Amino acid sequence: MSTHYHAPHFDPTVDEIATLKQLEMGQVIDLPHALKEHMSGRLYERGYIAKDASGALTITAAGRQLIQRQNN
């Protein structure tokens, strides 16, 4: 069992916010595409994105809230 350290405060990078916005707009991002784009695993680890039944990445409610906080 491995434990990941999570800092108490999460500051998303510009690329992470852009990824969340792409997912919110319905763009399909699959795992090979995510790896090619060097997408941060932090989004997945913190529950801002998840995999759907087909293996594509989707934004979660927490991810949408993160975008809203960044836009305010």
C-alpha atoms as a PDB file:
ATOM      1  CA  MET A   1       0.000   0.000   0.000  1.00  0.00           C
ATOM      2  CA  SER A   2       1.493   3.316  -1.007  1.00  0.00           C
ATOM      3  CA  THR A   3       0.546   6.598   0.543  1.00  0.00           C
ATOM      4  CA  HIS A   4       0.671   9.865  -1.376  1.00  0.00           C
ATOM      5  CA  TYR A   5       1.347  13.106   0.450  1.00  0.00           C
ATOM      6  CA  HIS A   6      -1.219  15.808  -0.282  1.00  0.00           C
ATOM      7  CA  ALA A   7      -0.395  19.338   0.737  1.00  0.00           C
ATOM      8  CA  PRO A   8      -3.256  20.934   2.655  1.00  0.00           C
ATOM      9  CA  HIS A   9      -3.708  23.562  -0.061  1.00  0.00           C
ATOM     10  CA  PHE A  10      -3.947  22.629  -3.755  1.00  0.00           C
ATOM     11  CA  ASP A  11      -2.873  25.222  -6.301  1.00  0.00           C
ATOM     12  CA  PRO A  12      -3.678  23.930  -9.782  1.00  0.00           C
ATOM     13  CA  THR A  13      -1.326  24.781 -12.610  1.00  0.00           C
ATOM     14  CA  VAL A  14      -2.501  26.648 -15.698  1.00  0.00           C
ATOM     15  CA  ASP A  15      -2.336  23.367 -17.632  1.00  0.00           C
ATOM     16  CA  GLU A  16      -4.438  21.561 -15.028  1.00  0.00           C
ATOM     17  CA  ILE A  17      -7.136  24.250 -15.187  1.00  0.00           C
ATOM     18  CA  ALA A  18      -7.068  24.103 -19.000  1.00  0.00           C
ATOM     19  CA  THR A  19      -7.522  20.321 -18.869  1.00  0.00           C
ATOM     20  CA  LEU A  20     -10.491  20.622 -16.516  1.00  0.00           C
ATOM     21  CA  LYS A  21     -12.083  23.246 -18.754  1.00  0.00           C
ATOM     22  CA  GLN A  22     -11.620  21.005 -21.807  1.00  0.00           C
ATOM     23  CA  LEU A  23     -13.313  18.131 -19.999  1.00  0.00           C
ATOM     24  CA  GLU A  24     -16.136  20.396 -18.828  1.00  0.00           C
ATOM     25  CA  MET A  25     -16.773  21.442 -22.442  1.00  0.00           C
ATOM     26  CA  GLY A  26     -17.130  17.784 -23.411  1.00  0.00           C
ATOM     27  CA  GLN A  27     -13.757  17.137 -25.015  1.00  0.00           C
ATOM     28  CA  VAL A  28     -12.866  13.463 -24.762  1.00  0.00           C
ATOM     29  CA  ILE A  29      -9.489  12.816 -23.215  1.00  0.00           C
ATOM     30  CA  ASP A  30      -8.421   9.198 -23.044  1.00  0.00           C
ATOM     31  CA  LEU A  31      -5.455   7.859 -21.124  1.00  0.00           C
ATOM     32  CA  PRO A  32      -3.026   7.695 -24.098  1.00  0.00           C
ATOM     33  CA  HIS A  33      -3.864  11.333 -24.951  1.00  0.00           C
ATOM     34  CA  ALA A  34      -3.396  12.350 -21.330  1.00  0.00           C
ATOM     35  CA  LEU A  35       0.000  10.682 -21.189  1.00  0.00           C
ATOM     36  CA  LYS A  36       1.041  12.271 -24.467  1.00  0.00           C
ATOM     37  CA  GLU A  37       0.108  15.695 -23.120  1.00  0.00           C
ATOM     38  CA  HIS A  38       1.853  14.936 -19.801  1.00  0.00           C
ATOM     39  CA  MET A  39      -1.348  15.638 -17.920  1.00  0.00           C
ATOM     40  CA  SER A  40      -0.815  15.864 -14.209  1.00  0.00           C
ATOM     41  CA  GLY A  41      -1.838  12.848 -12.161  1.00  0.00           C
ATOM     42  CA  ARG A  42      -2.663  15.233  -9.338  1.00  0.00           C
ATOM     43  CA  LEU A  43      -6.098  15.867 -10.842  1.00  0.00           C
ATOM     44  CA  TYR A  44      -6.908  12.155 -10.733  1.00  0.00           C
ATOM     45  CA  GLU A  45      -5.327  11.604  -7.311  1.00  0.00           C
ATOM     46  CA  ARG A  46      -7.327  14.441  -5.764  1.00  0.00           C
ATOM     47  CA  GLY A  47     -10.617  13.399  -7.366  1.00  0.00           C
ATOM     48  CA  TYR A  48     -10.994  16.276  -9.830  1.00  0.00           C
ATOM     49  CA  ILE A  49     -11.172  13.833 -12.743  1.00  0.00           C
ATOM     50  CA  ALA A  50     -12.239  10.192 -12.979  1.00  0.00           C
ATOM     51  CA  LYS A  51     -12.397   7.440 -15.584  1.00  0.00           C
ATOM     52  CA  ASP A  52     -15.756   6.549 -17.097  1.00  0.00           C
ATOM     53  CA  ALA A  53     -16.832   3.044 -18.131  1.00  0.00           C
ATOM     54  CA  SER A  54     -15.034   3.340 -21.477  1.00  0.00           C
ATOM     55  CA  GLY A  55     -11.790   4.492 -19.850  1.00  0.00           C
ATOM     56  CA  ALA A  56     -12.071   8.130 -20.950  1.00  0.00           C
ATOM     57  CA  LEU A  57     -11.352  10.808 -18.391  1.00  0.00           C
ATOM     58  CA  THR A  58     -14.248  12.917 -17.141  1.00  0.00           C
ATOM     59  CA  ILE A  59     -14.506  15.899 -14.845  1.00  0.00           C
ATOM     60  CA  THR A  60     -16.052  15.336 -11.430  1.00  0.00           C
ATOM     61  CA  ALA A  61     -18.214  17.671  -9.374  1.00  0.00           C
ATOM     62  CA  ALA A  62     -15.095  18.568  -7.360  1.00  0.00           C
ATOM     63  CA  GLY A  63     -13.326  19.474 -10.623  1.00  0.00           C
ATOM     64  CA  ARG A  64     -16.183  21.753 -11.629  1.00  0.00           C
ATOM     65  CA  GLN A  65     -16.053  23.456  -8.238  1.00  0.00           C
ATOM     66  CA  LEU A  66     -12.312  23.986  -8.646  1.00  0.00           C
ATOM     67  CA  ILE A  67     -12.879  25.723 -11.992  1.00  0.00           C
ATOM     68  CA  GLN A  68     -15.559  27.933 -10.448  1.00  0.00           C
ATOM     69  CA  ARG A  69     -13.222  28.955  -7.613  1.00  0.00           C
ATOM     70  CA  GLN A  70     -10.482  29.805 -10.127  1.00  0.00           C
ATOM     71  CA  ASN A  71     -12.868  31.937 -12.215  1.00  0.00           C
ATOM     72  CA  ASN A  72     -14.022  33.985  -9.203  1.00  0.00           C
END
